[in-house]
């Protein structure tokens, strides 16, 4: 039933956010357009579902049109929305419950994959006990942080891998003051950070975790209540250290004006040698090799104030959802599309190199793009098992494609540059080997609040988020550290106290 065909066929309308990357992909693929491609043809052939887009747009224009669509109730049959938009549409009675559709139509493979990190993503889509959307589950575990360090600089300065925060601060100081690139110029910095402090690469979340500070997630306190990590005293201590690093010239004096792309250019230019970031940081820091072929990097575990193992915070990473218009007669269509997408990429009839990576990322052509939350980590585990046993026959299609890239790097051929990042992430001592340690050592700290946004969150979340970010930036730039206490008071007054009450009401019912 989960892959049964509609007869006669049905048309399902979506809206679609496009991008330059998507348009470039379509331009290099013969005979494929956004509405007529390998995915749309397969959906129609197997499921009897014809995909239609009411409109498409890029970036800010898409966000504006989508916001108008939600506020006016002018919805396509199926649309992707944020958590806040989900709550608004549910309250307005404009979307339909999907509890039975998911229960009856999701295949065992779909349920296995969408629930791979537990039921938390479905909790966020459940309002008043009803499943009002299908969560577009993404990987929380891949939000784990690492310290990416230029190992050629460390060797030049005779520095050892960090074991504590003091070691991180010493490496930052040495990278700033001891001319690690040996060019005789005062042109290097210790730590990369951008003007958006929560960036997955070049943000401060991994650094703060070393202080037991978790600025983005809700955590349980000693009394068993949930508290927001961003207002806890440990954050104040971490901010004070960052402020001192800024005063000492270890942070870019203009970081508050530089987005990720500009800081990436600094790394590529050889000006920065330390980055906190996720596993794909390898592909960003690799840019430094374009000017200096000897530039080398490696991921290391994040560290704590003492030599104890720190907790690695993982924010619940499900933030988008598929909702179905109230009047649409076939709500199960969204489940069927998801079923087929997962089957053709990771199921028993999968054709990974046709429908996922050809090697172009053709999965982007589909209006729904679910994937196993742990697929990359599992690919590493398969590769590591093969390296230990010498048996390479058990690799799935994705692990096989990654191994091909690693082999090209290791062979030193013309594709060596392209394979470098894959080896630094998926190799024996790559980033995922550290994630394996994190998991085995019980270091992963998952966010404790996994419910749908509360009413006050919808009203105040953006305001409180901006208030927090501005306060942190200003303190790092030199404002009195006591401004943190003022920020905490204001946070409570402007809705934080009420949100905390609502969050704990949910927690008492669901823990």
Protein backbone atom coordinates (compact mmCIF):
# COMPACT_ATOMS: atom_id res chain seq x y z
CA UNK A 1 0.00 0.00 0.00
CA UNK A 2 2.86 2.36 0.73
CA UNK A 3 4.01 2.21 -2.91
CA UNK A 4 0.65 1.55 -4.59
CA UNK A 5 -0.27 3.48 -7.73
CA UNK A 6 -3.12 5.96 -8.05
CA UNK A 7 -5.43 4.99 -10.91
CA UNK A 8 -6.36 7.36 -12.35
CA UNK A 9 -3.21 9.40 -11.65
CA UNK A 10 -3.42 12.47 -9.41
CA UNK A 11 -1.67 15.84 -9.55
CA UNK A 12 -0.02 17.15 -6.39
CA UNK A 13 0.96 20.81 -6.09
CA UNK A 14 3.98 22.11 -4.18
CA UNK A 15 5.91 25.37 -3.97
CA UNK A 16 9.67 25.21 -4.29
CA UNK A 17 12.70 27.11 -3.05
CA UNK A 18 15.34 27.15 -5.73
CA UNK A 19 19.01 28.12 -5.60
CA UNK A 20 21.93 28.81 -7.88
CA UNK A 21 23.23 25.32 -7.08
CA UNK A 22 19.94 23.74 -8.17
CA UNK A 23 19.84 25.78 -11.37
CA UNK A 24 23.46 24.84 -12.13
CA UNK A 25 22.56 21.19 -11.58
CA UNK A 26 19.67 21.39 -14.05
CA UNK A 27 21.86 23.17 -16.59
CA UNK A 28 24.39 20.33 -16.69
CA UNK A 29 21.79 17.54 -16.87
CA UNK A 30 20.41 16.87 -20.36
CA UNK A 31 16.65 16.52 -20.72
CA UNK A 32 15.92 17.41 -17.09
CA UNK A 33 13.97 20.38 -15.70
CA UNK A 34 12.52 21.14 -12.30
CA UNK A 35 9.13 19.65 -13.22
CA UNK A 36 10.31 16.98 -15.68
CA UNK A 37 13.24 14.97 -14.38
CA UNK A 38 14.21 11.45 -13.32
CA UNK A 39 12.40 11.83 -10.00
CA UNK A 40 9.19 13.37 -11.29
CA UNK A 41 8.98 10.77 -14.05
CA UNK A 42 9.48 7.94 -11.56
CA UNK A 43 6.87 9.33 -9.16
CA UNK A 44 4.37 9.43 -12.01
CA UNK A 45 5.32 6.03 -13.42
CA UNK A 46 5.31 4.09 -10.13
CA UNK A 47 2.93 6.04 -7.90
CA UNK A 48 0.68 7.79 -10.40
CA UNK A 49 1.59 11.15 -8.85
CA UNK A 50 2.26 14.11 -11.14
CA UNK A 51 4.28 16.88 -9.47
CA UNK A 52 3.33 20.51 -10.12
CA UNK A 53 4.82 23.69 -8.63
CA UNK A 54 2.48 26.62 -8.05
CA UNK A 55 5.51 28.90 -7.90
CA UNK A 56 9.27 28.84 -7.28
CA UNK A 57 11.60 31.47 -5.86
CA UNK A 58 15.06 31.90 -4.37
CA UNK A 59 16.26 32.98 -0.93
CA UNK A 60 14.56 35.97 0.66
CA UNK A 61 11.90 36.14 -2.06
CA UNK A 62 10.94 32.54 -1.34
CA UNK A 63 10.71 33.29 2.40
CA UNK A 64 8.51 36.33 1.73
CA UNK A 65 6.18 34.45 -0.61
CA UNK A 66 6.00 31.48 1.73
CA UNK A 67 5.17 33.72 4.71
CA UNK A 68 2.36 35.34 2.68
CA UNK A 69 1.11 31.91 1.61
CA UNK A 70 0.91 30.77 5.24
CA UNK A 71 -0.66 33.99 6.58
CA UNK A 72 -3.24 34.13 3.79
CA UNK A 73 -4.03 30.42 3.83
CA UNK A 74 -3.29 30.12 0.10
CA UNK A 75 -1.54 26.76 0.30
CA UNK A 76 -0.54 24.18 -2.29
CA UNK A 77 -1.59 20.59 -1.65
CA UNK A 78 1.66 19.86 0.19
CA UNK A 79 4.11 22.44 1.49
CA UNK A 80 7.27 22.56 3.57
CA UNK A 81 6.96 24.85 6.61
CA UNK A 82 8.89 25.86 9.72
CA UNK A 83 7.92 24.78 13.23
CA UNK A 84 6.32 28.16 13.89
CA UNK A 85 4.36 28.06 10.62
CA UNK A 86 3.19 24.55 11.46
CA UNK A 87 1.70 25.78 14.72
CA UNK A 88 0.05 28.77 13.02
CA UNK A 89 -1.54 26.63 10.30
CA UNK A 90 -2.70 24.04 12.80
CA UNK A 91 -4.27 26.66 15.05
CA UNK A 92 -6.03 28.14 12.01
CA UNK A 93 -7.44 24.75 10.98
CA UNK A 94 -5.87 24.97 7.50
CA UNK A 95 -4.04 21.62 7.51
CA UNK A 96 -5.12 18.07 8.21
CA UNK A 97 -4.04 15.47 10.73
CA UNK A 98 -1.64 12.85 9.37
CA UNK A 99 -1.60 10.33 12.24
CA UNK A 100 -3.47 7.62 10.32
CA UNK A 101 -1.78 8.40 6.99
CA UNK A 102 1.65 7.82 8.54
CA UNK A 103 0.55 4.74 10.47
CA UNK A 104 -1.16 3.09 7.49
CA UNK A 105 1.06 4.09 4.55
CA UNK A 106 4.64 4.50 5.80
CA UNK A 107 6.71 1.47 4.82
CA UNK A 108 8.87 -0.32 7.41
CA UNK A 109 11.93 1.26 5.75
CA UNK A 110 10.41 4.75 6.05
CA UNK A 111 9.55 4.24 9.72
CA UNK A 112 13.00 2.86 10.44
CA UNK A 113 14.72 5.82 8.79
CA UNK A 114 12.48 8.66 9.98
CA UNK A 115 12.64 7.34 13.55
CA UNK A 116 16.38 6.63 13.44
CA UNK A 117 17.13 9.20 16.15
CA UNK A 118 14.05 8.33 18.20
CA UNK A 119 10.57 9.79 18.22
CA UNK A 120 11.64 13.35 19.04
CA UNK A 121 11.13 14.71 15.49
CA UNK A 122 7.55 13.44 15.59
CA UNK A 123 7.03 15.04 18.99
CA UNK A 124 7.81 18.41 17.43
CA UNK A 125 5.12 17.80 14.79
CA UNK A 126 2.49 16.65 17.30
CA UNK A 127 -0.02 19.24 18.50
CA UNK A 128 -2.69 18.36 21.06
CA UNK A 129 -1.90 14.68 20.57
CA UNK A 130 -2.32 14.79 16.78
CA UNK A 131 0.43 14.37 14.18
CA UNK A 132 -0.10 17.50 12.08
CA UNK A 133 2.91 17.17 9.78
CA UNK A 134 5.58 14.78 8.62
CA UNK A 135 8.92 15.96 10.00
CA UNK A 136 11.73 16.45 7.50
CA UNK A 137 14.12 14.64 9.77
CA UNK A 138 17.74 15.68 9.64
CA UNK A 139 20.70 14.44 11.60
CA UNK A 140 21.23 15.71 15.13
CA UNK A 141 24.31 13.57 15.65
CA UNK A 142 26.08 15.25 12.75
CA UNK A 143 25.85 18.52 14.64
CA UNK A 144 28.65 17.24 16.86
CA UNK A 145 31.57 19.66 17.12
CA UNK A 146 35.29 19.12 16.56
CA UNK A 147 38.37 21.31 16.72
CA UNK A 148 39.91 21.61 13.24
CA UNK A 149 43.60 22.54 13.56
CA UNK A 150 46.32 23.30 11.02
CA UNK A 151 48.74 20.51 11.82
CA UNK A 152 51.53 21.98 9.70
CA UNK A 153 51.45 25.05 11.95
CA UNK A 154 51.41 22.86 15.06
CA UNK A 155 54.47 20.99 13.84
CA UNK A 156 56.21 24.26 12.98
CA UNK A 157 55.65 25.54 16.54
CA UNK A 158 56.13 22.15 18.25
CA UNK A 159 52.59 22.16 19.67
CA UNK A 160 50.77 19.07 20.93
CA UNK A 161 47.06 18.25 20.40
CA UNK A 162 44.85 19.96 22.99
CA UNK A 163 43.78 18.06 26.11
CA UNK A 164 42.10 20.95 27.96
CA UNK A 165 40.78 24.46 27.28
CA UNK A 166 44.11 25.85 28.52
CA UNK A 167 45.80 23.97 25.68
CA UNK A 168 43.33 25.47 23.19
CA UNK A 169 44.12 28.95 24.50
CA UNK A 170 47.85 28.28 24.23
CA UNK A 171 47.50 27.10 20.63
CA UNK A 172 45.42 30.20 19.84
CA UNK A 173 48.07 32.42 21.40
CA UNK A 174 50.88 30.68 19.52
CA UNK A 175 49.06 30.83 16.18
CA UNK A 176 48.57 34.58 16.73
CA UNK A 177 52.00 35.60 18.01
CA UNK A 178 54.59 33.05 16.85
CA UNK A 179 54.41 33.47 13.07
CA UNK A 180 53.27 29.90 12.29
CA UNK A 181 53.48 30.48 8.52
CA UNK A 182 57.05 31.81 8.88
CA UNK A 183 56.49 34.78 6.56
CA UNK A 184 57.77 37.38 9.01
CA UNK A 185 54.39 39.18 9.09
CA UNK A 186 51.88 39.68 11.88
CA UNK A 187 49.06 38.26 9.76
CA UNK A 188 47.72 35.16 11.57
CA UNK A 189 44.91 34.65 14.07
CA UNK A 190 44.14 32.01 16.66
CA UNK A 191 40.44 31.20 16.30
CA UNK A 192 37.95 31.69 13.48
CA UNK A 193 34.51 33.03 14.37
CA UNK A 194 31.87 34.68 12.22
CA UNK A 195 29.29 37.37 12.87
CA UNK A 196 26.72 34.59 13.40
CA UNK A 197 27.92 32.88 16.55
CA UNK A 198 25.86 29.72 15.99
CA UNK A 199 27.38 28.86 12.61
CA UNK A 200 27.96 25.08 12.26
CA UNK A 201 31.48 25.89 11.08
CA UNK A 202 33.39 28.83 12.60
CA UNK A 203 30.86 29.33 15.40
CA UNK A 204 31.45 29.28 19.18
CA UNK A 205 29.18 26.38 20.26
CA UNK A 206 32.00 23.83 20.41
CA UNK A 207 34.27 26.21 22.29
CA UNK A 208 31.56 27.01 24.85
CA UNK A 209 30.81 23.33 25.40
CA UNK A 210 34.24 23.07 26.99
CA UNK A 211 32.89 25.33 29.75
CA UNK A 212 29.70 23.22 30.13
CA UNK A 213 27.89 26.08 28.38
CA UNK A 214 25.19 25.17 25.87
CA UNK A 215 23.77 28.40 24.42
CA UNK A 216 21.30 26.85 21.95
CA UNK A 217 19.58 24.01 23.77
CA UNK A 218 17.29 23.24 26.69
CA UNK A 219 18.90 21.03 29.33
CA UNK A 220 17.79 19.39 32.58
CA UNK A 221 19.05 20.98 35.80
CA UNK A 222 19.88 19.21 39.05
CA UNK A 223 16.25 19.43 40.20
CA UNK A 224 15.00 17.73 37.05
CA UNK A 225 13.53 20.84 35.47
CA UNK A 226 14.35 22.15 32.01
CA UNK A 227 16.34 25.36 31.74
CA UNK A 228 17.59 27.26 28.70
CA UNK A 229 21.33 26.77 28.29
CA UNK A 230 21.87 30.23 26.86
CA UNK A 231 21.23 32.01 30.18
CA UNK A 232 23.27 29.80 32.51
CA UNK A 233 26.33 31.16 34.43
CA UNK A 234 28.73 28.87 32.53
CA UNK A 235 28.01 30.96 29.42
CA UNK A 236 29.22 34.06 31.21
CA UNK A 237 32.56 32.39 31.97
CA UNK A 238 33.03 31.32 28.35
CA UNK A 239 32.15 34.81 27.08
CA UNK A 240 34.71 36.35 29.43
CA UNK A 241 37.41 34.13 27.90
CA UNK A 242 36.36 35.05 24.35
CA UNK A 243 36.42 38.70 25.34
CA UNK A 244 40.00 38.33 26.55
CA UNK A 245 40.98 36.53 23.32
CA UNK A 246 39.50 39.43 21.36
CA UNK A 247 41.46 41.97 23.42
CA UNK A 248 44.64 39.97 22.83
CA UNK A 249 44.17 40.00 19.07
CA UNK A 250 43.47 36.27 18.77
CA UNK A 251 40.08 36.96 17.16
CA UNK A 252 39.63 39.07 14.07
CA UNK A 253 38.98 42.67 15.19
CA UNK A 254 36.27 42.87 12.51
CA UNK A 255 34.65 39.46 13.05
CA UNK A 256 31.30 41.05 13.91
CA UNK A 257 31.10 42.34 10.31
CA UNK A 258 32.20 39.14 8.58
CA UNK A 259 29.89 36.34 7.52
CA UNK A 260 30.93 32.76 6.94
CA UNK A 261 31.99 33.36 3.35
CA UNK A 262 34.39 36.15 4.34
CA UNK A 263 35.93 34.12 7.16
CA UNK A 264 36.25 31.19 4.77
CA UNK A 265 38.32 33.48 2.53
CA UNK A 266 40.60 34.27 5.49
CA UNK A 267 41.14 30.54 6.04
CA UNK A 268 41.83 30.07 2.33
CA UNK A 269 44.36 32.91 2.50
CA UNK A 270 46.25 31.18 5.31
CA UNK A 271 45.36 33.66 8.07
CA UNK A 272 43.60 31.31 10.51
CA UNK A 273 44.61 27.93 11.91
CA UNK A 274 41.83 26.91 14.35
CA UNK A 275 38.15 26.30 13.66
CA UNK A 276 35.42 24.74 15.74
CA UNK A 277 32.92 23.00 13.49
CA UNK A 278 31.04 19.96 12.27
CA UNK A 279 32.42 16.99 10.33
CA UNK A 280 32.15 18.70 6.94
CA UNK A 281 34.60 21.36 8.12
CA UNK A 282 37.24 19.40 6.20
CA UNK A 283 35.83 20.64 2.90
CA UNK A 284 35.94 24.25 4.10
CA UNK A 285 39.47 24.27 5.53
CA UNK A 286 40.72 22.48 2.42
CA UNK A 287 40.50 25.84 0.67
CA UNK A 288 43.80 26.80 2.35
CA UNK A 289 45.60 24.31 0.10
CA UNK A 290 44.92 26.40 -2.99
CA UNK A 291 47.56 28.94 -1.96
CA UNK A 292 49.73 26.58 0.06
CA UNK A 293 49.85 22.93 -1.01
CA UNK A 294 51.53 22.04 2.31
CA UNK A 295 48.63 23.34 4.42
CA UNK A 296 47.26 20.42 6.41
CA UNK A 297 44.42 20.08 8.90
CA UNK A 298 43.04 17.47 11.25
CA UNK A 299 39.96 17.15 13.45
CA UNK A 300 40.43 16.74 17.21
CA UNK A 301 37.87 16.17 19.99
CA UNK A 302 36.54 19.22 21.78
CA UNK A 303 38.03 19.60 25.27
CA UNK A 304 36.95 20.82 28.71
CA UNK A 305 38.39 23.04 31.42
CA UNK A 306 39.74 19.93 33.14
CA UNK A 307 40.98 16.74 31.54
CA UNK A 308 37.52 15.19 31.95
CA UNK A 309 35.57 14.37 28.82
CA UNK A 310 33.16 17.19 27.90
CA UNK A 311 29.55 16.75 26.87
CA UNK A 312 28.97 17.41 23.17
CA UNK A 313 25.66 19.29 22.74
CA UNK A 314 23.33 18.18 19.95
CA UNK A 315 20.48 20.50 19.06
CA UNK A 316 17.37 18.76 17.76
CA UNK A 317 17.95 19.29 14.08
CA UNK A 318 14.43 18.82 12.74
CA UNK A 319 13.15 22.25 11.82
CA UNK A 320 11.08 21.79 8.68
CA UNK A 321 7.88 19.85 8.12
CA UNK A 322 5.55 18.77 5.33
CA UNK A 323 1.93 19.75 5.89
CA UNK A 324 -1.11 18.84 3.81
CA UNK A 325 -3.83 21.30 2.85
CA UNK A 326 -7.10 20.65 4.69
CA UNK A 327 -9.18 20.00 1.55
CA UNK A 328 -6.67 17.76 -0.24
CA UNK A 329 -8.29 14.37 -0.81
CA UNK A 330 -5.15 12.20 -0.78
CA UNK A 331 -3.12 13.16 2.32
CA UNK A 332 -1.23 9.86 2.13
CA UNK A 333 0.47 11.08 -1.08
CA UNK A 334 3.23 12.77 0.93
CA UNK A 335 3.95 9.44 2.66
CA UNK A 336 4.10 7.60 -0.66
CA UNK A 337 6.55 10.13 -2.12
CA UNK A 338 8.79 9.74 0.93
CA UNK A 339 8.52 5.95 0.76
CA UNK A 340 9.68 5.84 -2.86
CA UNK A 341 12.48 8.36 -2.39
CA UNK A 342 13.94 6.32 0.47
CA UNK A 343 13.44 3.01 -1.35
CA UNK A 344 15.26 4.13 -4.51
CA UNK A 345 18.21 5.47 -2.51
CA UNK A 346 18.53 3.15 0.50
CA UNK A 347 16.09 0.30 -0.04
CA UNK A 348 16.45 -3.16 -1.50
CA UNK A 349 15.77 -1.86 -5.02
CA UNK A 350 17.98 1.19 -4.55
CA UNK A 351 19.84 2.76 -7.46
CA UNK A 352 22.07 5.16 -5.54
CA UNK A 353 24.23 6.29 -8.44
CA UNK A 354 21.14 7.00 -10.56
CA UNK A 355 18.85 8.72 -8.09
CA UNK A 356 21.14 10.14 -5.39
CA UNK A 357 24.60 10.88 -6.79
CA UNK A 358 25.33 10.42 -10.47
CA UNK A 359 27.94 11.76 -9.25
CA UNK A 360 25.94 15.00 -9.46
CA UNK A 361 23.58 15.52 -6.48
CA UNK A 362 20.46 14.53 -8.44
CA UNK A 363 18.54 13.88 -5.22
CA UNK A 364 17.93 17.65 -5.18
CA UNK A 365 15.55 17.31 -8.14
CA UNK A 366 12.92 15.68 -5.92
CA UNK A 367 10.37 17.81 -4.02
CA UNK A 368 10.95 15.56 -0.98
CA UNK A 369 14.48 14.61 0.05
CA UNK A 370 14.41 12.42 3.20
CA UNK A 371 17.54 10.54 4.21
CA UNK A 372 18.79 8.36 7.09
CA UNK A 373 19.94 10.65 9.89
CA UNK A 374 22.99 8.49 10.56
CA UNK A 375 23.80 7.62 6.94
CA UNK A 376 27.18 9.39 6.90
CA UNK A 377 28.24 8.02 10.27
CA UNK A 378 27.15 4.54 9.20
CA UNK A 379 29.15 4.90 5.97
CA UNK A 380 32.22 5.63 8.12
CA UNK A 381 31.50 2.58 10.30
CA UNK A 382 31.24 0.36 7.21
CA UNK A 383 34.49 1.77 5.83
CA UNK A 384 36.29 1.28 9.13
CA UNK A 385 35.06 -2.30 9.39
CA UNK A 386 36.31 -2.96 5.85
CA UNK A 387 39.69 -1.42 6.69
CA UNK A 388 40.00 -3.76 9.69
CA UNK A 389 38.88 -6.95 7.97
CA UNK A 390 39.91 -6.35 4.38
CA UNK A 391 36.37 -7.28 3.28
CA UNK A 392 35.12 -4.52 0.99
CA UNK A 393 32.09 -6.40 -0.33
CA UNK A 394 29.67 -5.30 2.40
CA UNK A 395 29.81 -1.55 1.66
CA UNK A 396 26.55 0.12 0.69
CA UNK A 397 26.48 2.33 -2.40
CA UNK A 398 27.27 5.53 -0.51
CA UNK A 399 30.22 4.02 1.35
CA UNK A 400 31.53 2.66 -1.96
CA UNK A 401 31.41 6.09 -3.58
CA UNK A 402 33.22 7.65 -0.61
CA UNK A 403 35.90 4.97 -0.72
CA UNK A 404 36.52 5.71 -4.40
CA UNK A 405 37.21 9.35 -3.52
CA UNK A 406 39.50 8.43 -0.63
CA UNK A 407 41.48 6.05 -2.86
CA UNK A 408 41.96 8.81 -5.43
CA UNK A 409 43.37 11.05 -2.70
CA UNK A 410 45.63 8.33 -1.33
CA UNK A 411 46.93 7.45 -4.78
CA UNK A 412 48.02 11.04 -5.35
CA UNK A 413 46.41 11.22 -8.79
CA UNK A 414 44.83 14.21 -10.47
CA UNK A 415 41.77 13.93 -8.19
CA UNK A 416 43.89 14.00 -5.04
CA UNK A 417 42.60 17.44 -4.04
CA UNK A 418 38.97 16.39 -4.25
CA UNK A 419 39.51 13.34 -2.05
CA UNK A 420 41.41 15.15 0.72
CA UNK A 421 38.28 16.32 2.55
CA UNK A 422 36.68 12.89 2.38
CA UNK A 423 39.72 11.26 3.92
CA UNK A 424 39.86 13.88 6.71
CA UNK A 425 36.24 13.11 7.59
CA UNK A 426 35.85 9.39 6.79
CA UNK A 427 39.43 8.16 7.24
CA UNK A 428 40.69 6.00 10.10
CA UNK A 429 41.55 9.05 12.22
CA UNK A 430 39.04 11.41 10.59
CA UNK A 431 36.23 13.37 12.22
CA UNK A 432 33.84 10.43 12.30
CA UNK A 433 36.35 8.37 14.25
CA UNK A 434 35.98 11.01 16.96
CA UNK A 435 32.19 10.83 16.76
CA UNK A 436 32.56 7.11 17.36
CA UNK A 437 34.51 7.96 20.53
CA UNK A 438 31.90 10.51 21.59
CA UNK A 439 29.15 7.91 21.28
CA UNK A 440 31.08 5.13 23.02
CA UNK A 441 32.06 7.47 25.87
CA UNK A 442 28.46 8.68 26.38
CA UNK A 443 29.49 12.26 25.63
CA UNK A 444 26.55 13.16 23.38
CA UNK A 445 24.12 15.57 25.05
CA UNK A 446 20.81 15.64 23.16
CA UNK A 447 18.46 18.58 23.56
CA UNK A 448 15.88 17.87 26.27
CA UNK A 449 12.93 19.85 24.85
CA UNK A 450 11.58 18.16 21.74
CA UNK A 451 8.00 19.38 21.70
CA UNK A 452 6.26 21.59 19.16
CA UNK A 453 6.96 25.31 19.68
CA UNK A 454 4.92 26.73 22.54
CA UNK A 455 2.58 29.66 21.98
CA UNK A 456 5.01 32.11 23.56
CA UNK A 457 7.91 30.70 21.54
CA UNK A 458 6.03 31.57 18.36
CA UNK A 459 5.48 35.11 19.60
CA UNK A 460 8.87 35.78 21.19
CA UNK A 461 11.48 33.32 19.92
CA UNK A 462 12.88 35.62 17.24
CA UNK A 463 13.06 38.57 19.63
CA UNK A 464 14.79 36.56 22.33
CA UNK A 465 17.17 34.96 19.83
CA UNK A 466 18.27 38.39 18.56
CA UNK A 467 18.58 39.72 22.12
CA UNK A 468 20.85 36.82 23.08
CA UNK A 469 23.03 37.05 20.00
CA UNK A 470 23.51 40.81 20.34
CA UNK A 471 24.38 40.53 24.03
CA UNK A 472 26.99 37.85 23.35
CA UNK A 473 28.57 39.83 20.49
CA UNK A 474 28.74 43.04 22.55
CA UNK A 475 30.40 41.28 25.48
CA UNK A 476 33.01 39.65 23.25
CA UNK A 477 33.72 43.07 21.73
CA UNK A 478 34.46 44.51 25.17
CA UNK A 479 31.26 45.54 26.96
CA UNK A 480 31.12 44.84 30.68
CA UNK A 481 30.76 41.16 31.48
CA UNK A 482 28.00 42.20 33.87
CA UNK A 483 25.84 42.91 30.83
CA UNK A 484 25.27 39.16 30.75
CA UNK A 485 23.26 39.38 33.98
CA UNK A 486 21.24 42.27 32.52
CA UNK A 487 20.58 40.20 29.40
CA UNK A 488 19.33 37.26 31.52
CA UNK A 489 16.91 39.53 33.40
CA UNK A 490 15.61 41.03 30.15
CA UNK A 491 15.30 37.57 28.58
CA UNK A 492 13.02 36.48 31.41
CA UNK A 493 10.97 39.68 31.27
CA UNK A 494 10.42 39.58 27.50
CA UNK A 495 8.95 36.07 27.46
CA UNK A 496 11.69 33.71 28.59
CA UNK A 497 10.09 33.06 31.98
CA UNK A 498 6.76 32.18 30.35
CA UNK A 499 8.46 29.96 27.77
CA UNK A 500 10.31 28.16 30.56
CA UNK A 501 6.98 27.50 32.29
CA UNK A 502 5.43 26.17 29.05
CA UNK A 503 8.46 24.00 28.30
CA UNK A 504 8.33 22.40 31.75
CA UNK A 505 4.59 21.77 31.47
CA UNK A 506 5.36 19.80 28.29
CA UNK A 507 8.30 18.04 29.99
CA UNK A 508 6.21 16.83 32.93
CA UNK A 509 3.77 15.21 30.50
CA UNK A 510 6.36 13.67 28.21
CA UNK A 511 9.51 12.74 30.14
